[in-house]
C-alpha atoms as a PDB file:
ATOM      1  CA  MET A   1       0.000   0.000   0.000  1.00  0.00           C
ATOM      2  CA  GLU A   2       1.714   3.075  -1.278  1.00  0.00           C
ATOM      3  CA  GLY A   3       1.968   6.083   0.975  1.00  0.00           C
ATOM      4  CA  ILE A   4       1.318   4.321   4.264  1.00  0.00           C
ATOM      5  CA  ASP A   5       3.877   4.763   7.033  1.00  0.00           C
ATOM      6  CA  ARG A   6       4.658   1.260   8.284  1.00  0.00           C
ATOM      7  CA  THR A   7       7.289   2.326  10.837  1.00  0.00           C
ATOM      8  CA  LYS A   8       5.251   1.387  13.930  1.00  0.00           C
ATOM      9  CA  GLU A   9       4.243  -2.004  12.571  1.00  0.00           C
ATOM     10  CA  LEU A  10       7.764  -2.818  11.409  1.00  0.00           C
ATOM     11  CA  ASN A  11       9.258  -1.849  14.763  1.00  0.00           C
ATOM     12  CA  LEU A  12       6.750  -4.004  16.634  1.00  0.00           C
ATOM     13  CA  LEU A  13       7.390  -6.984  14.364  1.00  0.00           C
ATOM     14  CA  LYS A  14      11.169  -6.588  14.541  1.00  0.00           C
ATOM     15  CA  THR A  15      10.939  -6.442  18.333  1.00  0.00           C
ATOM     16  CA  ALA A  16       8.800  -9.598  18.303  1.00  0.00           C
ATOM     17  CA  ARG A  17      11.336 -11.313  16.042  1.00  0.00           C
ATOM     18  CA  GLY A  18      14.116 -10.428  18.481  1.00  0.00           C
ATOM     19  CA  GLN A  19      12.082 -11.764  21.382  1.00  0.00           C
ATOM     20  CA  ILE A  20      11.378 -14.997  19.492  1.00  0.00           C
ATOM     21  CA  ASP A  21      15.116 -15.442  18.960  1.00  0.00           C
ATOM     22  CA  GLY A  22      15.525 -14.923  22.706  1.00  0.00           C
ATOM     23  CA  ILE A  23      12.832 -17.495  23.466  1.00  0.00           C
ATOM     24  CA  ILE A  24      14.545 -20.051  21.228  1.00  0.00           C
ATOM     25  CA  LYS A  25      17.803 -19.415  23.082  1.00  0.00           C
ATOM     26  CA  MET A  26      15.998 -19.786  26.407  1.00  0.00           C
ATOM     27  CA  LEU A  27      14.638 -23.184  25.339  1.00  0.00           C
ATOM     28  CA  GLU A  28      18.036 -24.287  24.072  1.00  0.00           C
ATOM     29  CA  GLU A  29      19.497 -23.319  27.444  1.00  0.00           C
ATOM     30  CA  ASP A  30      16.733 -25.254  29.235  1.00  0.00           C
ATOM     31  CA  ARG A  31      15.527 -22.162  31.075  1.00  0.00           C
ATOM     32  CA  TYR A  32      12.646 -22.209  33.549  1.00  0.00           C
ATOM     33  CA  CYS A  33       9.338 -22.917  31.776  1.00  0.00           C
ATOM     34  CA  ILE A  34       7.411 -20.067  33.395  1.00  0.00           C
ATOM     35  CA  ASP A  35      10.045 -17.560  32.278  1.00  0.00           C
ATOM     36  CA  VAL A  36       9.796 -18.888  28.724  1.00  0.00           C
ATOM     37  CA  SER A  37       6.012 -18.764  28.848  1.00  0.00           C
ATOM     38  CA  LYS A  38       6.070 -15.129  29.985  1.00  0.00           C
ATOM     39  CA  GLN A  39       8.235 -14.253  26.999  1.00  0.00           C
ATOM     40  CA  VAL A  40       5.866 -16.083  24.641  1.00  0.00           C
ATOM     41  CA  LEU A  41       2.977 -14.034  26.053  1.00  0.00           C
ATOM     42  CA  ALA A  42       4.987 -10.840  25.523  1.00  0.00           C
ATOM     43  CA  VAL A  43       5.531 -11.755  21.860  1.00  0.00           C
ATOM     44  CA  GLN A  44       1.841 -12.518  21.424  1.00  0.00           C
ATOM     45  CA  ALA A  45       1.013  -9.067  22.806  1.00  0.00           C
ATOM     46  CA  LEU A  46       3.418  -7.436  20.337  1.00  0.00           C
ATOM     47  CA  LEU A  47       1.931  -9.375  17.426  1.00  0.00           C
ATOM     48  CA  LYS A  48      -1.581  -8.429  18.502  1.00  0.00           C
ATOM     49  CA  LYS A  49      -0.601  -4.773  18.711  1.00  0.00           C
ATOM     50  CA  ALA A  50       1.083  -4.912  15.282  1.00  0.00           C
ATOM     51  CA  ASN A  51      -1.993  -6.537  13.775  1.00  0.00           C
ATOM     52  CA  LEU A  52      -4.273  -3.869  15.220  1.00  0.00           C
ATOM     53  CA  GLN A  53      -2.012  -1.172  13.770  1.00  0.00           C
ATOM     54  CA  ILE A  54      -2.144  -2.842  10.365  1.00  0.00           C
ATOM     55  CA  LEU A  55      -5.938  -3.097  10.520  1.00  0.00           C
ATOM     56  CA  GLU A  56      -6.217   0.524  11.614  1.00  0.00           C
ATOM     57  CA  GLN A  57      -4.116   1.632   8.642  1.00  0.00           C
ATOM     58  CA  HIS A  58      -6.210  -0.560   6.355  1.00  0.00           C
ATOM     59  CA  MET A  59      -9.407   1.053   7.550  1.00  0.00           C
ATOM     60  CA  HIS A  60      -8.027   4.589   7.328  1.00  0.00           C
ATOM     61  CA  HIS A  61      -6.636   4.102   3.838  1.00  0.00           C
ATOM     62  CA  CYS A  62      -8.028   1.149   1.876  1.00  0.00           C
ATOM     63  CA  VAL A  63     -11.529   1.103   3.313  1.00  0.00           C
ATOM     64  CA  THR A  64     -11.834   4.890   3.200  1.00  0.00           C
ATOM     65  CA  ASP A  65     -10.657   4.884  -0.423  1.00  0.00           C
ATOM     66  CA  ALA A  66     -13.189   2.193  -1.335  1.00  0.00           C
ATOM     67  CA  PHE A  67     -16.008   4.249   0.176  1.00  0.00           C
ATOM     68  CA  GLU A  68     -14.861   7.492  -1.422  1.00  0.00           C
ATOM     69  CA  ASN A  69     -13.855   6.210  -4.865  1.00  0.00           C
ATOM     70  CA  GLY A  70     -14.926   2.604  -5.260  1.00  0.00           C
ATOM     71  CA  SER A  71     -17.968   0.831  -6.501  1.00  0.00           C
ATOM     72  CA  LYS A  72     -20.603  -0.730  -4.289  1.00  0.00           C
ATOM     73  CA  GLU A  73     -18.860  -4.070  -4.898  1.00  0.00           C
ATOM     74  CA  ASP A  74     -15.537  -2.598  -3.696  1.00  0.00           C
ATOM     75  CA  ARG A  75     -17.189  -1.260  -0.540  1.00  0.00           C
ATOM     76  CA  ASN A  76     -18.880  -4.583   0.174  1.00  0.00           C
ATOM     77  CA  THR A  77     -15.592  -6.428  -0.375  1.00  0.00           C
ATOM     78  CA  LYS A  78     -13.800  -4.214   2.166  1.00  0.00           C
ATOM     79  CA  ILE A  79     -16.596  -4.728   4.697  1.00  0.00           C
ATOM     80  CA  GLU A  80     -16.467  -8.507   4.223  1.00  0.00           C
ATOM     81  CA  GLU A  81     -12.671  -8.480   4.652  1.00  0.00           C
ATOM     82  CA  ILE A  82     -13.005  -6.719   8.003  1.00  0.00           C
ATOM     83  CA  ILE A  83     -15.760  -9.078   9.139  1.00  0.00           C
ATOM     84  CA  THR A  84     -13.615 -12.096   8.196  1.00  0.00           C
ATOM     85  CA  ILE A  85     -10.618 -10.743  10.129  1.00  0.00           C
ATOM     86  CA  LEU A  86     -12.738  -9.913  13.179  1.00  0.00           C
ATOM     87  CA  ASP A  87     -14.276 -13.377  13.072  1.00  0.00           C
ATOM     88  CA  LYS A  88     -10.795 -14.944  13.208  1.00  0.00           C
ATOM     89  CA  TYR A  89      -9.651 -12.477  15.828  1.00  0.00           C
ATOM     90  CA  TYR A  90     -12.435 -13.316  18.258  1.00  0.00           C
ATOM     91  CA  LYS A  91     -12.174 -17.106  17.947  1.00  0.00           C
END
């Protein structure tokens, strides 16, 4: 998507990647399970936050564009995409 600043999302995902590398090292070093689990939860929180940022950008740019410039089919497609994502998110 041209013109969208992805800095926040990239930073969150790069941080998550670094934490995953740390978790792998923790497992290789046979670290305490609860400590590993806490780190896994921290990565999940980062991924969730990154995903919400991506969805927010999508709604502000792609969905807005579809409603301002697209056909009824384009608008319905964008709505269905959001519904599908929310359905997966809440399962």
